[in-house]
Amino acid sequence: EQPFLAGLTEHQLSLLAPLTSRSMFHAGNRIFRE
C-alpha cells in the first residue's frame, strides 16, 4: 500500500516485511538530530 514501494514484487516485499515495525511520534518529538 506504500507509494514508495509501489511496483516491487510480492517476493521483494516479503523480504522487507520482517525488517519493519510500526512507530508513532507525538507532536514536537524530535525523531533524529543532525
PDB file of all heavy atoms in Angstrom:
ATOM      1  N   GLU A   1       0.815  -1.223   0.000  1.00  0.00           N
ATOM      2  CA  GLU A   1       0.000   0.000   0.000  1.00  0.00           C
ATOM      3  C   GLU A   1       0.845   1.269   0.000  1.00  0.00           C
ATOM      4  O   GLU A   1       0.311   2.357  -0.205  1.00  0.00           O
ATOM      5  CB  GLU A   1      -0.917   0.017   1.223  1.00  0.00           C
ATOM      6  CG  GLU A   1      -1.957  -1.075   1.228  1.00  0.00           C
ATOM      7  CD  GLU A   1      -2.691  -1.169   2.562  1.00  0.00           C
ATOM      8  OE1 GLU A   1      -2.326  -0.438   3.520  1.00  0.00           O
ATOM      9  OE2 GLU A   1      -3.620  -1.989   2.642  1.00  0.00           O
ATOM     10  N   GLN A   2       2.137   1.155   0.241  1.00  0.00           N
ATOM     11  CA  GLN A   2       3.005   2.322   0.360  1.00  0.00           C
ATOM     12  C   GLN A   2       3.478   2.784  -1.020  1.00  0.00           C
ATOM     13  O   GLN A   2       4.105   2.018  -1.752  1.00  0.00           O
ATOM     14  CB  GLN A   2       4.211   2.012   1.245  1.00  0.00           C
ATOM     15  CG  GLN A   2       3.837   1.550   2.635  1.00  0.00           C
ATOM     16  CD  GLN A   2       2.873   2.493   3.303  1.00  0.00           C
ATOM     17  OE1 GLN A   2       3.136   3.696   3.385  1.00  0.00           O
ATOM     18  NE2 GLN A   2       1.756   1.973   3.781  1.00  0.00           N
ATOM     19  N   PRO A   3       3.194   4.044  -1.394  1.00  0.00           N
ATOM     20  CA  PRO A   3       3.590   4.537  -2.718  1.00  0.00           C
ATOM     21  C   PRO A   3       5.078   4.368  -3.015  1.00  0.00           C
ATOM     22  O   PRO A   3       5.449   4.059  -4.149  1.00  0.00           O
ATOM     23  CB  PRO A   3       3.199   6.021  -2.676  1.00  0.00           C
ATOM     24  CG  PRO A   3       2.088   6.086  -1.682  1.00  0.00           C
ATOM     25  CD  PRO A   3       2.423   5.044  -0.647  1.00  0.00           C
ATOM     26  N   PHE A   4       5.943   4.555  -2.011  1.00  0.00           N
ATOM     27  CA  PHE A   4       7.383   4.427  -2.235  1.00  0.00           C
ATOM     28  C   PHE A   4       7.763   3.019  -2.686  1.00  0.00           C
ATOM     29  O   PHE A   4       8.742   2.836  -3.406  1.00  0.00           O
ATOM     30  CB  PHE A   4       8.146   4.797  -0.958  1.00  0.00           C
ATOM     31  CG  PHE A   4       9.643   4.720  -1.104  1.00  0.00           C
ATOM     32  CD1 PHE A   4      10.341   5.673  -1.829  1.00  0.00           C
ATOM     33  CD2 PHE A   4      10.366   3.694  -0.511  1.00  0.00           C
ATOM     34  CE1 PHE A   4      11.717   5.611  -1.967  1.00  0.00           C
ATOM     35  CE2 PHE A   4      11.737   3.620  -0.638  1.00  0.00           C
ATOM     36  CZ  PHE A   4      12.421   4.587  -1.373  1.00  0.00           C
ATOM     37  N   LEU A   5       6.998   2.033  -2.271  1.00  0.00           N
ATOM     38  CA  LEU A   5       7.308   0.634  -2.596  1.00  0.00           C
ATOM     39  C   LEU A   5       6.490   0.110  -3.769  1.00  0.00           C
ATOM     40  O   LEU A   5       6.615  -1.071  -4.128  1.00  0.00           O
ATOM     41  CB  LEU A   5       7.090  -0.244  -1.363  1.00  0.00           C
ATOM     42  CG  LEU A   5       7.920   0.132  -0.133  1.00  0.00           C
ATOM     43  CD1 LEU A   5       7.534  -0.738   1.053  1.00  0.00           C
ATOM     44  CD2 LEU A   5       9.410   0.041  -0.420  1.00  0.00           C
ATOM     45  N   ALA A   6       5.687   0.959  -4.382  1.00  0.00           N
ATOM     46  CA  ALA A   6       4.829   0.530  -5.487  1.00  0.00           C
ATOM     47  C   ALA A   6       5.664  -0.104  -6.599  1.00  0.00           C
ATOM     48  O   ALA A   6       6.721   0.400  -6.964  1.00  0.00           O
ATOM     49  CB  ALA A   6       4.035   1.710  -6.040  1.00  0.00           C
ATOM     50  N   GLY A   7       5.185  -1.225  -7.094  1.00  0.00           N
ATOM     51  CA  GLY A   7       5.856  -1.896  -8.195  1.00  0.00           C
ATOM     52  C   GLY A   7       6.840  -2.964  -7.770  1.00  0.00           C
ATOM     53  O   GLY A   7       7.319  -3.725  -8.607  1.00  0.00           O
ATOM     54  N   LEU A   8       7.175  -3.033  -6.475  1.00  0.00           N
ATOM     55  CA  LEU A   8       8.025  -4.125  -6.016  1.00  0.00           C
ATOM     56  C   LEU A   8       7.217  -5.416  -6.058  1.00  0.00           C
ATOM     57  O   LEU A   8       5.992  -5.412  -5.877  1.00  0.00           O
ATOM     58  CB  LEU A   8       8.531  -3.874  -4.595  1.00  0.00           C
ATOM     59  CG  LEU A   8       9.507  -2.715  -4.395  1.00  0.00           C
ATOM     60  CD1 LEU A   8       9.976  -2.670  -2.942  1.00  0.00           C
ATOM     61  CD2 LEU A   8      10.691  -2.799  -5.332  1.00  0.00           C
ATOM     62  N   THR A   9       7.893  -6.515  -6.295  1.00  0.00           N
ATOM     63  CA  THR A   9       7.205  -7.794  -6.363  1.00  0.00           C
ATOM     64  C   THR A   9       6.790  -8.251  -4.970  1.00  0.00           C
ATOM     65  O   THR A   9       7.325  -7.780  -3.957  1.00  0.00           O
ATOM     66  CB  THR A   9       8.105  -8.880  -6.985  1.00  0.00           C
ATOM     67  OG1 THR A   9       9.196  -9.129  -6.081  1.00  0.00           O
ATOM     68  CG2 THR A   9       8.632  -8.452  -8.359  1.00  0.00           C
ATOM     69  N   GLU A  10       5.867  -9.180  -4.932  1.00  0.00           N
ATOM     70  CA  GLU A  10       5.447  -9.744  -3.650  1.00  0.00           C
ATOM     71  C   GLU A  10       6.633 -10.394  -2.941  1.00  0.00           C
ATOM     72  O   GLU A  10       6.775 -10.276  -1.722  1.00  0.00           O
ATOM     73  CB  GLU A  10       4.330 -10.769  -3.859  1.00  0.00           C
ATOM     74  CG  GLU A  10       3.741 -11.263  -2.565  1.00  0.00           C
ATOM     75  CD  GLU A  10       2.515 -12.137  -2.757  1.00  0.00           C
ATOM     76  OE1 GLU A  10       1.813 -11.978  -3.768  1.00  0.00           O
ATOM     77  OE2 GLU A  10       2.278 -12.980  -1.874  1.00  0.00           O
ATOM     78  N   HIS A  11       7.519 -11.025  -3.710  1.00  0.00           N
ATOM     79  CA  HIS A  11       8.706 -11.633  -3.109  1.00  0.00           C
ATOM     80  C   HIS A  11       9.599 -10.564  -2.474  1.00  0.00           C
ATOM     81  O   HIS A  11      10.087 -10.734  -1.348  1.00  0.00           O
ATOM     82  CB  HIS A  11       9.485 -12.429  -4.152  1.00  0.00           C
ATOM     83  CG  HIS A  11      10.791 -12.946  -3.647  1.00  0.00           C
ATOM     84  ND1 HIS A  11      10.888 -13.955  -2.716  1.00  0.00           N
ATOM     85  CD2 HIS A  11      12.066 -12.558  -3.913  1.00  0.00           C
ATOM     86  CE1 HIS A  11      12.162 -14.183  -2.438  1.00  0.00           C
ATOM     87  NE2 HIS A  11      12.900 -13.344  -3.151  1.00  0.00           N
ATOM     88  N   GLN A  12       9.835  -9.467  -3.174  1.00  0.00           N
ATOM     89  CA  GLN A  12      10.669  -8.394  -2.630  1.00  0.00           C
ATOM     90  C   GLN A  12      10.050  -7.804  -1.367  1.00  0.00           C
ATOM     91  O   GLN A  12      10.749  -7.563  -0.384  1.00  0.00           O
ATOM     92  CB  GLN A  12      10.884  -7.311  -3.687  1.00  0.00           C
ATOM     93  CG  GLN A  12      11.766  -7.760  -4.831  1.00  0.00           C
ATOM     94  CD  GLN A  12      11.787  -6.777  -5.991  1.00  0.00           C
ATOM     95  OE1 GLN A  12      10.767  -6.159  -6.315  1.00  0.00           O
ATOM     96  NE2 GLN A  12      12.956  -6.623  -6.601  1.00  0.00           N
ATOM     97  N   LEU A  13       8.741  -7.607  -1.394  1.00  0.00           N
ATOM     98  CA  LEU A  13       8.060  -7.087  -0.209  1.00  0.00           C
ATOM     99  C   LEU A  13       8.136  -8.075   0.943  1.00  0.00           C
ATOM    100  O   LEU A  13       8.289  -7.669   2.109  1.00  0.00           O
ATOM    101  CB  LEU A  13       6.606  -6.747  -0.540  1.00  0.00           C
ATOM    102  CG  LEU A  13       6.403  -5.602  -1.538  1.00  0.00           C
ATOM    103  CD1 LEU A  13       4.932  -5.492  -1.917  1.00  0.00           C
ATOM    104  CD2 LEU A  13       6.939  -4.296  -0.999  1.00  0.00           C
ATOM    105  N   SER A  14       8.087  -9.368   0.633  1.00  0.00           N
ATOM    106  CA  SER A  14       8.174 -10.380   1.701  1.00  0.00           C
ATOM    107  C   SER A  14       9.558 -10.393   2.339  1.00  0.00           C
ATOM    108  O   SER A  14       9.696 -10.771   3.502  1.00  0.00           O
ATOM    109  CB  SER A  14       7.803 -11.768   1.168  1.00  0.00           C
ATOM    110  OG  SER A  14       8.829 -12.280   0.335  1.00  0.00           O
ATOM    111  N   LEU A  15      10.575  -9.985   1.603  1.00  0.00           N
ATOM    112  CA  LEU A  15      11.920  -9.877   2.176  1.00  0.00           C
ATOM    113  C   LEU A  15      12.032  -8.662   3.095  1.00  0.00           C
ATOM    114  O   LEU A  15      12.745  -8.688   4.102  1.00  0.00           O
ATOM    115  CB  LEU A  15      12.969  -9.793   1.060  1.00  0.00           C
ATOM    116  CG  LEU A  15      13.094 -11.014   0.152  1.00  0.00           C
ATOM    117  CD1 LEU A  15      14.041 -10.714  -1.010  1.00  0.00           C
ATOM    118  CD2 LEU A  15      13.571 -12.223   0.938  1.00  0.00           C
ATOM    119  N   LEU A  16      11.329  -7.589   2.750  1.00  0.00           N
ATOM    120  CA  LEU A  16      11.373  -6.357   3.546  1.00  0.00           C
ATOM    121  C   LEU A  16      10.497  -6.425   4.794  1.00  0.00           C
ATOM    122  O   LEU A  16      10.833  -5.838   5.823  1.00  0.00           O
ATOM    123  CB  LEU A  16      10.933  -5.161   2.692  1.00  0.00           C
ATOM    124  CG  LEU A  16      11.925  -4.689   1.635  1.00  0.00           C
ATOM    125  CD1 LEU A  16      11.263  -3.712   0.681  1.00  0.00           C
ATOM    126  CD2 LEU A  16      13.137  -4.059   2.293  1.00  0.00           C
ATOM    127  N   ALA A  17       9.386  -7.124   4.708  1.00  0.00           N
ATOM    128  CA  ALA A  17       8.400  -7.119   5.800  1.00  0.00           C
ATOM    129  C   ALA A  17       8.995  -7.454   7.168  1.00  0.00           C
ATOM    130  O   ALA A  17       8.709  -6.748   8.145  1.00  0.00           O
ATOM    131  CB  ALA A  17       7.228  -8.042   5.463  1.00  0.00           C
ATOM    132  N   PRO A  18       9.827  -8.496   7.303  1.00  0.00           N
ATOM    133  CA  PRO A  18      10.354  -8.806   8.641  1.00  0.00           C
ATOM    134  C   PRO A  18      11.333  -7.757   9.182  1.00  0.00           C
ATOM    135  O   PRO A  18      11.694  -7.805  10.359  1.00  0.00           O
ATOM    136  CB  PRO A  18      11.082 -10.135   8.451  1.00  0.00           C
ATOM    137  CG  PRO A  18      10.741 -10.627   7.107  1.00  0.00           C
ATOM    138  CD  PRO A  18      10.195  -9.494   6.319  1.00  0.00           C
ATOM    139  N   LEU A  19      11.753  -6.821   8.338  1.00  0.00           N
ATOM    140  CA  LEU A  19      12.721  -5.799   8.744  1.00  0.00           C
ATOM    141  C   LEU A  19      12.034  -4.512   9.185  1.00  0.00           C
ATOM    142  O   LEU A  19      12.689  -3.498   9.399  1.00  0.00           O
ATOM    143  CB  LEU A  19      13.690  -5.511   7.587  1.00  0.00           C
ATOM    144  CG  LEU A  19      14.339  -6.741   6.943  1.00  0.00           C
ATOM    145  CD1 LEU A  19      15.292  -6.313   5.844  1.00  0.00           C
ATOM    146  CD2 LEU A  19      15.024  -7.612   7.974  1.00  0.00           C
ATOM    147  N   THR A  20      10.699  -4.559   9.300  1.00  0.00           N
ATOM    148  CA  THR A  20       9.936  -3.363   9.633  1.00  0.00           C
ATOM    149  C   THR A  20       9.172  -3.521  10.940  1.00  0.00           C
ATOM    150  O   THR A  20       8.911  -4.627  11.394  1.00  0.00           O
ATOM    151  CB  THR A  20       8.922  -3.015   8.523  1.00  0.00           C
ATOM    152  OG1 THR A  20       7.936  -4.036   8.464  1.00  0.00           O
ATOM    153  CG2 THR A  20       9.588  -2.874   7.172  1.00  0.00           C
ATOM    154  N   SER A  21       8.841  -2.373  11.497  1.00  0.00           N
ATOM    155  CA  SER A  21       7.966  -2.303  12.666  1.00  0.00           C
ATOM    156  C   SER A  21       7.140  -1.039  12.502  1.00  0.00           C
ATOM    157  O   SER A  21       7.315  -0.287  11.547  1.00  0.00           O
ATOM    158  CB  SER A  21       8.782  -2.275  13.957  1.00  0.00           C
ATOM    159  OG  SER A  21       9.634  -1.148  13.976  1.00  0.00           O
ATOM    160  N   ARG A  22       6.252  -0.797  13.446  1.00  0.00           N
ATOM    161  CA  ARG A  22       5.425   0.412  13.398  1.00  0.00           C
ATOM    162  C   ARG A  22       5.885   1.373  14.490  1.00  0.00           C
ATOM    163  O   ARG A  22       6.268   0.944  15.574  1.00  0.00           O
ATOM    164  CB  ARG A  22       3.960   0.059  13.585  1.00  0.00           C
ATOM    165  CG  ARG A  22       3.424  -0.771  12.432  1.00  0.00           C
ATOM    166  CD  ARG A  22       1.983  -1.161  12.677  1.00  0.00           C
ATOM    167  NE  ARG A  22       1.535  -2.115  11.701  1.00  0.00           N
ATOM    168  CZ  ARG A  22       0.774  -1.806  10.662  1.00  0.00           C
ATOM    169  NH1 ARG A  22       0.385  -0.566  10.474  1.00  0.00           N
ATOM    170  NH2 ARG A  22       0.401  -2.740   9.810  1.00  0.00           N
ATOM    171  N   SER A  23       5.820   2.666  14.170  1.00  0.00           N
ATOM    172  CA  SER A  23       6.212   3.700  15.128  1.00  0.00           C
ATOM    173  C   SER A  23       5.160   4.791  15.174  1.00  0.00           C
ATOM    174  O   SER A  23       4.430   4.997  14.204  1.00  0.00           O
ATOM    175  CB  SER A  23       7.536   4.347  14.716  1.00  0.00           C
ATOM    176  OG  SER A  23       8.578   3.421  14.714  1.00  0.00           O
ATOM    177  N   MET A  24       5.136   5.493  16.289  1.00  0.00           N
ATOM    178  CA  MET A  24       4.289   6.666  16.439  1.00  0.00           C
ATOM    179  C   MET A  24       5.114   7.755  17.127  1.00  0.00           C
ATOM    180  O   MET A  24       5.844   7.485  18.083  1.00  0.00           O
ATOM    181  CB  MET A  24       3.063   6.365  17.287  1.00  0.00           C
ATOM    182  CG  MET A  24       2.140   7.568  17.409  1.00  0.00           C
ATOM    183  SD  MET A  24       0.713   7.284  18.453  1.00  0.00           S
ATOM    184  CE  MET A  24       1.487   7.354  20.055  1.00  0.00           C
ATOM    185  N   PHE A  25       5.005   8.962  16.601  1.00  0.00           N
ATOM    186  CA  PHE A  25       5.701  10.114  17.166  1.00  0.00           C
ATOM    187  C   PHE A  25       4.665  11.164  17.525  1.00  0.00           C
ATOM    188  O   PHE A  25       3.800  11.491  16.711  1.00  0.00           O
ATOM    189  CB  PHE A  25       6.699  10.701  16.157  1.00  0.00           C
ATOM    190  CG  PHE A  25       7.658   9.683  15.606  1.00  0.00           C
ATOM    191  CD1 PHE A  25       7.480   9.158  14.335  1.00  0.00           C
ATOM    192  CD2 PHE A  25       8.721   9.236  16.368  1.00  0.00           C
ATOM    193  CE1 PHE A  25       8.360   8.220  13.828  1.00  0.00           C
ATOM    194  CE2 PHE A  25       9.605   8.294  15.870  1.00  0.00           C
ATOM    195  CZ  PHE A  25       9.423   7.780  14.600  1.00  0.00           C
ATOM    196  N   HIS A  26       4.757  11.692  18.746  1.00  0.00           N
ATOM    197  CA  HIS A  26       3.836  12.743  19.182  1.00  0.00           C
ATOM    198  C   HIS A  26       4.313  14.098  18.679  1.00  0.00           C
ATOM    199  O   HIS A  26       5.501  14.287  18.382  1.00  0.00           O
ATOM    200  CB  HIS A  26       3.730  12.754  20.710  1.00  0.00           C
ATOM    201  CG  HIS A  26       3.110  11.510  21.259  1.00  0.00           C
ATOM    202  ND1 HIS A  26       1.761  11.261  21.168  1.00  0.00           N
ATOM    203  CD2 HIS A  26       3.650  10.445  21.889  1.00  0.00           C
ATOM    204  CE1 HIS A  26       1.495  10.096  21.719  1.00  0.00           C
ATOM    205  NE2 HIS A  26       2.631   9.576  22.167  1.00  0.00           N
ATOM    206  N   ALA A  27       3.403  15.031  18.605  1.00  0.00           N
ATOM    207  CA  ALA A  27       3.734  16.384  18.158  1.00  0.00           C
ATOM    208  C   ALA A  27       4.893  16.942  18.979  1.00  0.00           C
ATOM    209  O   ALA A  27       4.898  16.853  20.205  1.00  0.00           O
ATOM    210  CB  ALA A  27       2.517  17.289  18.292  1.00  0.00           C
ATOM    211  N   GLY A  28       5.883  17.481  18.294  1.00  0.00           N
ATOM    212  CA  GLY A  28       7.032  18.088  18.954  1.00  0.00           C
ATOM    213  C   GLY A  28       8.166  17.133  19.261  1.00  0.00           C
ATOM    214  O   GLY A  28       9.244  17.578  19.658  1.00  0.00           O
ATOM    215  N   ASN A  29       7.960  15.829  19.091  1.00  0.00           N
ATOM    216  CA  ASN A  29       9.039  14.866  19.355  1.00  0.00           C
ATOM    217  C   ASN A  29      10.111  14.951  18.278  1.00  0.00           C
ATOM    218  O   ASN A  29       9.803  14.914  17.090  1.00  0.00           O
ATOM    219  CB  ASN A  29       8.508  13.431  19.384  1.00  0.00           C
ATOM    220  CG  ASN A  29       7.819  13.088  20.678  1.00  0.00           C
ATOM    221  OD1 ASN A  29       7.545  13.940  21.501  1.00  0.00           O
ATOM    222  ND2 ASN A  29       7.533  11.816  20.845  1.00  0.00           N
ATOM    223  N   ARG A  30      11.366  15.053  18.722  1.00  0.00           N
ATOM    224  CA  ARG A  30      12.482  15.003  17.782  1.00  0.00           C
ATOM    225  C   ARG A  30      12.709  13.540  17.438  1.00  0.00           C
ATOM    226  O   ARG A  30      12.913  12.704  18.309  1.00  0.00           O
ATOM    227  CB  ARG A  30      13.748  15.612  18.369  1.00  0.00           C
ATOM    228  CG  ARG A  30      14.899  15.500  17.371  1.00  0.00           C
ATOM    229  CD  ARG A  30      15.881  16.599  17.449  1.00  0.00           C
ATOM    230  NE  ARG A  30      15.415  17.929  17.179  1.00  0.00           N
ATOM    231  CZ  ARG A  30      15.287  18.448  15.938  1.00  0.00           C
ATOM    232  NH1 ARG A  30      15.545  17.729  14.875  1.00  0.00           N
ATOM    233  NH2 ARG A  30      14.881  19.682  15.791  1.00  0.00           N
ATOM    234  N   ILE A  31      12.665  13.234  16.142  1.00  0.00           N
ATOM    235  CA  ILE A  31      12.840  11.856  15.672  1.00  0.00           C
ATOM    236  C   ILE A  31      14.328  11.541  15.555  1.00  0.00           C
ATOM    237  O   ILE A  31      14.778  10.474  15.958  1.00  0.00           O
ATOM    238  CB  ILE A  31      12.103  11.654  14.331  1.00  0.00           C
ATOM    239  CG1 ILE A  31      10.608  11.954  14.530  1.00  0.00           C
ATOM    240  CG2 ILE A  31      12.319  10.240  13.794  1.00  0.00           C
ATOM    241  CD1 ILE A  31       9.820  12.082  13.252  1.00  0.00           C
ATOM    242  N   PHE A  32      15.080  12.468  15.005  1.00  0.00           N
ATOM    243  CA  PHE A  32      16.540  12.339  14.980  1.00  0.00           C
ATOM    244  C   PHE A  32      17.160  13.716  14.847  1.00  0.00           C
ATOM    245  O   PHE A  32      16.519  14.663  14.410  1.00  0.00           O
ATOM    246  CB  PHE A  32      17.043  11.383  13.891  1.00  0.00           C
ATOM    247  CG  PHE A  32      16.582  11.690  12.492  1.00  0.00           C
ATOM    248  CD1 PHE A  32      17.255  12.601  11.698  1.00  0.00           C
ATOM    249  CD2 PHE A  32      15.487  11.027  11.958  1.00  0.00           C
ATOM    250  CE1 PHE A  32      16.842  12.861  10.398  1.00  0.00           C
ATOM    251  CE2 PHE A  32      15.064  11.273  10.665  1.00  0.00           C
ATOM    252  CZ  PHE A  32      15.732  12.198   9.890  1.00  0.00           C
ATOM    253  N   ARG A  33      18.423  13.804  15.261  1.00  0.00           N
ATOM    254  CA  ARG A  33      19.167  15.056  15.258  1.00  0.00           C
ATOM    255  C   ARG A  33      20.311  14.952  14.248  1.00  0.00           C
ATOM    256  O   ARG A  33      20.970  13.928  14.138  1.00  0.00           O
ATOM    257  CB  ARG A  33      19.724  15.330  16.656  1.00  0.00           C
ATOM    258  CG  ARG A  33      20.381  16.683  16.803  1.00  0.00           C
ATOM    259  CD  ARG A  33      20.659  17.057  18.246  1.00  0.00           C
ATOM    260  NE  ARG A  33      19.465  17.093  19.098  1.00  0.00           N
ATOM    261  CZ  ARG A  33      18.558  18.068  19.094  1.00  0.00           C
ATOM    262  NH1 ARG A  33      18.684  19.091  18.295  1.00  0.00           N
ATOM    263  NH2 ARG A  33      17.519  18.017  19.916  1.00  0.00           N
ATOM    264  N   GLU A  34      20.508  16.036  13.540  1.00  0.00           N
ATOM    265  CA  GLU A  34      21.585  16.142  12.556  1.00  0.00           C
ATOM    266  C   GLU A  34      22.918  15.727  13.181  1.00  0.00           C
ATOM    267  O   GLU A  34      23.244  16.128  14.297  1.00  0.00           O
ATOM    268  CB  GLU A  34      21.655  17.602  12.083  1.00  0.00           C
ATOM    269  CG  GLU A  34      22.648  17.903  11.015  1.00  0.00           C
ATOM    270  CD  GLU A  34      22.568  19.360  10.560  1.00  0.00           C
ATOM    271  OE1 GLU A  34      21.562  20.046  10.843  1.00  0.00           O
ATOM    272  OE2 GLU A  34      23.533  19.797   9.922  1.00  0.00           O
TER     273      GLU A  34
END
